Protein backbone atom coordinates (compact mmCIF):
# COMPACT_ATOMS: atom_id res chain seq x y z
CA MET A 1 -0.48 -33.99 36.99
CA THR A 2 -3.87 -33.46 38.73
CA GLY A 3 -3.40 -36.26 40.96
CA GLU A 4 0.67 -35.29 42.15
CA TYR A 5 -1.56 -32.11 43.73
CA ARG A 6 -1.43 -34.01 47.76
CA LEU A 7 1.88 -34.10 47.19
CA LEU A 8 2.33 -30.81 47.61
CA PRO A 9 2.05 -29.92 50.87
CA GLY A 10 4.36 -32.76 52.20
CA LEU A 11 6.83 -31.61 49.19
CA LEU A 12 6.62 -27.71 50.46
CA LYS A 13 7.52 -28.77 53.99
CA ALA A 14 10.53 -31.37 53.26
CA LEU A 15 11.80 -27.78 50.68
CA VAL A 16 11.76 -25.81 54.29
CA PHE A 17 13.20 -28.11 56.26
CA ALA A 18 16.15 -28.43 54.07
CA SER A 19 16.19 -24.73 53.23
CA VAL A 20 16.94 -23.88 57.01
CA LEU A 21 18.89 -27.33 57.86
CA SER A 22 20.93 -25.64 55.20
CA GLY A 23 21.16 -23.05 56.15
CA THR A 24 22.22 -23.55 59.90
CA LEU A 25 24.67 -26.04 58.46
CA ARG A 26 26.76 -23.41 56.64
CA HIS A 27 26.25 -20.77 59.45
CA ASP A 28 27.81 -23.49 62.08
CA SER A 29 30.73 -24.18 59.23
CA VAL A 30 31.05 -20.27 59.08
CA ASP A 31 31.23 -19.71 62.37
CA ARG A 32 33.68 -22.89 63.61
CA GLN A 33 35.89 -21.31 60.55
CA HIS A 34 36.29 -18.33 62.15
CA ALA A 35 37.20 -19.39 66.05
CA THR A 36 39.77 -21.86 64.37
CA GLN A 37 41.35 -19.24 62.19
CA HIS A 38 41.02 -16.55 65.70
């Protein structure tokens, strides 16, 4: 377990990047649905 601490910064960056990316993708799809409905 002690040797895995070196992976933490990269893992956190990947996690933040993935959450931001999924948030923007979800926002885009919601906007697209509203645009097609009106």
